[in-house]
Amino acid sequence: MTVKELMTTSVCFLKPDASISDAAALMKKNNIGIVPICDNRGCLLGLVTDRDILMRVSTADAASVELTKITDIMTTNLVTISPEMNVHDAACLFSKKKVHRLPVLENGRLVGMLSLTDLAKKKIFLAEVGDIMGAIATKK
């Protein structure tokens, strides 16, 4: 089974000129915890998670939220996968890199996201999801 058979293809994203408030509003509206930041061509520049907003921005100070750029808090050291990658290989990356989601790129453009939830939906991957969660829990 390949990543493209399990990945989520309806991915919400923001452009680099978006605000942190824009990211938070998009997360709330779509009940998601991560927002890709893409350029005009759909090329992935970085990712912003709900945790990034909480840990990297003084959310108690409204001015700080408005003055901090999304590009200042996004993660740019990304692990990405291809839609043609074998799902078992992707599962190994979740454990090795201790991440919950993997952006899926094709020709440099974001075409989807693969999450642990996507794996868990297929009962054949439940044991792998458990192993991955164990690896993430021992994150150091």
Protein backbone atom coordinates (compact mmCIF):
# COMPACT_ATOMS: atom_id res chain seq x y z
CA MET A 1 0.00 0.00 0.00
CA THR A 2 1.29 3.47 -0.87
CA VAL A 3 1.00 6.78 0.96
CA LYS A 4 -1.37 8.20 -1.68
CA GLU A 5 -3.93 5.54 -0.74
CA LEU A 6 -4.11 6.77 2.88
CA MET A 7 -3.09 10.43 2.86
CA THR A 8 -5.45 13.32 3.38
CA THR A 9 -5.59 15.39 0.20
CA SER A 10 -7.80 18.27 1.34
CA VAL A 11 -5.06 20.16 3.15
CA CYS A 12 -5.63 23.72 4.37
CA PHE A 13 -2.57 25.94 4.05
CA LEU A 14 -1.51 29.55 4.46
CA LYS A 15 0.90 31.79 2.60
CA PRO A 16 3.98 33.21 4.36
CA ASP A 17 2.40 36.65 4.77
CA ALA A 18 -0.39 35.21 6.96
CA SER A 19 -0.60 36.16 10.60
CA ILE A 20 -0.48 33.90 13.63
CA SER A 21 -4.11 34.83 14.23
CA ASP A 22 -4.89 33.55 10.71
CA ALA A 23 -3.22 30.24 11.56
CA ALA A 24 -5.06 29.90 14.86
CA ALA A 25 -8.40 30.72 13.21
CA LEU A 26 -7.79 28.17 10.43
CA MET A 27 -6.89 25.51 12.99
CA LYS A 28 -10.03 26.23 15.01
CA LYS A 29 -12.33 26.34 11.98
CA ASN A 30 -11.07 23.03 10.58
CA ASN A 31 -10.30 21.28 13.89
CA ILE A 32 -6.67 20.72 12.91
CA GLY A 33 -3.42 21.09 14.81
CA ILE A 34 -1.07 21.89 11.93
CA VAL A 35 -0.99 24.34 9.05
CA PRO A 36 1.45 24.09 6.15
CA ILE A 37 2.93 27.36 4.91
CA CYS A 38 3.25 27.33 1.11
CA ASP A 39 4.37 29.79 -1.53
CA ASN A 40 2.25 30.83 -4.53
CA ARG A 41 3.20 27.67 -6.43
CA GLY A 42 2.14 25.35 -3.60
CA CYS A 43 5.71 24.57 -2.58
CA LEU A 44 6.02 23.81 1.14
CA LEU A 45 8.06 26.36 3.07
CA GLY A 46 7.31 25.22 6.61
CA LEU A 47 4.75 23.98 9.11
CA VAL A 48 3.09 25.70 12.07
CA THR A 49 1.48 23.63 14.79
CA ASP A 50 -0.79 24.64 17.63
CA ARG A 51 2.14 23.85 19.91
CA ASP A 52 4.39 26.24 17.95
CA ILE A 53 1.91 29.03 18.60
CA LEU A 54 1.71 28.25 22.31
CA MET A 55 5.43 27.77 22.85
CA ARG A 56 6.96 30.35 20.52
CA VAL A 57 4.60 33.30 20.88
CA SER A 58 3.59 35.20 23.98
CA THR A 59 -0.12 34.51 23.54
CA ALA A 60 -0.86 36.48 26.70
CA ASP A 61 0.27 39.63 24.87
CA ALA A 62 -2.07 40.44 21.96
CA ALA A 63 0.51 42.80 20.42
CA SER A 64 3.06 39.99 20.37
CA VAL A 65 0.64 37.77 18.48
CA GLU A 66 0.08 40.45 15.85
CA LEU A 67 3.75 41.48 15.57
CA THR A 68 5.23 37.99 15.29
CA LYS A 69 5.37 36.69 11.74
CA ILE A 70 4.19 33.18 10.90
CA THR A 71 7.57 32.62 9.21
CA ASP A 72 9.30 33.40 12.53
CA ILE A 73 7.66 30.49 14.30
CA MET A 74 7.25 27.91 11.53
CA THR A 75 9.36 24.77 11.48
CA THR A 76 11.49 24.60 8.36
CA ASN A 77 13.58 21.51 9.06
CA LEU A 78 10.97 19.19 7.57
CA VAL A 79 10.70 15.49 6.96
CA THR A 80 8.60 14.94 3.85
CA ILE A 81 7.46 11.90 1.91
CA SER A 82 6.26 11.10 -1.58
CA PRO A 83 2.81 9.79 -2.50
CA GLU A 84 4.46 6.70 -3.96
CA MET A 85 6.27 5.77 -0.74
CA ASN A 86 5.30 2.49 0.87
CA VAL A 87 3.16 3.06 3.97
CA HIS A 88 5.38 0.78 6.07
CA ASP A 89 8.39 2.94 5.16
CA ALA A 90 6.43 6.06 6.12
CA ALA A 91 5.50 4.41 9.44
CA CYS A 92 9.20 3.89 10.11
CA LEU A 93 9.78 7.61 9.53
CA PHE A 94 7.09 8.51 12.08
CA SER A 95 9.00 6.48 14.68
CA LYS A 96 12.49 7.52 13.64
CA LYS A 97 11.73 11.24 13.43
CA LYS A 98 9.17 11.16 16.29
CA VAL A 99 6.53 13.14 14.42
CA HIS A 100 2.73 12.86 14.24
CA ARG A 101 2.29 14.06 10.67
CA LEU A 102 4.25 13.92 7.43
CA PRO A 103 3.74 16.35 4.54
CA VAL A 104 3.41 14.61 1.18
CA LEU A 105 5.21 16.34 -1.70
CA GLU A 106 5.11 15.62 -5.42
CA ASN A 107 7.44 17.59 -7.68
CA GLY A 108 8.14 19.90 -4.75
CA ARG A 109 4.46 20.75 -4.22
CA LEU A 110 2.29 19.85 -1.25
CA VAL A 111 -0.31 17.26 -2.33
CA GLY A 112 -1.35 15.86 1.05
CA MET A 113 -0.58 15.00 4.64
CA LEU A 114 -0.20 11.60 6.22
CA SER A 115 -0.99 11.41 9.92
CA LEU A 116 -1.03 8.73 12.56
CA THR A 117 -4.82 8.98 12.41
CA ASP A 118 -4.70 8.06 8.72
CA LEU A 119 -2.71 4.95 9.62
CA ALA A 120 -5.01 4.06 12.51
CA LYS A 121 -8.05 4.11 10.21
CA LYS A 122 -6.67 0.97 8.58
CA LYS A 123 -6.77 -1.78 11.16
CA ILE A 124 -3.75 -3.49 9.58
CA PHE A 125 -1.58 -0.61 10.87
CA LEU A 126 -2.83 -0.50 14.47
CA ALA A 127 0.21 -2.33 15.83
CA GLU A 128 2.53 0.06 13.98
CA VAL A 129 0.64 3.08 15.33
CA GLY A 130 1.11 1.70 18.84
CA ASP A 131 4.84 1.27 18.23
CA ILE A 132 5.10 4.79 16.81
CA MET A 133 3.28 6.30 19.79
CA GLY A 134 5.64 4.45 22.11
CA ALA A 135 8.63 5.88 20.22
CA ILE A 136 7.19 9.40 20.29
CA ALA A 137 6.42 9.13 24.01
CA THR A 138 10.09 8.46 24.70
CA LYS A 139 11.05 11.56 22.72
CA LYS A 140 14.39 12.98 23.80
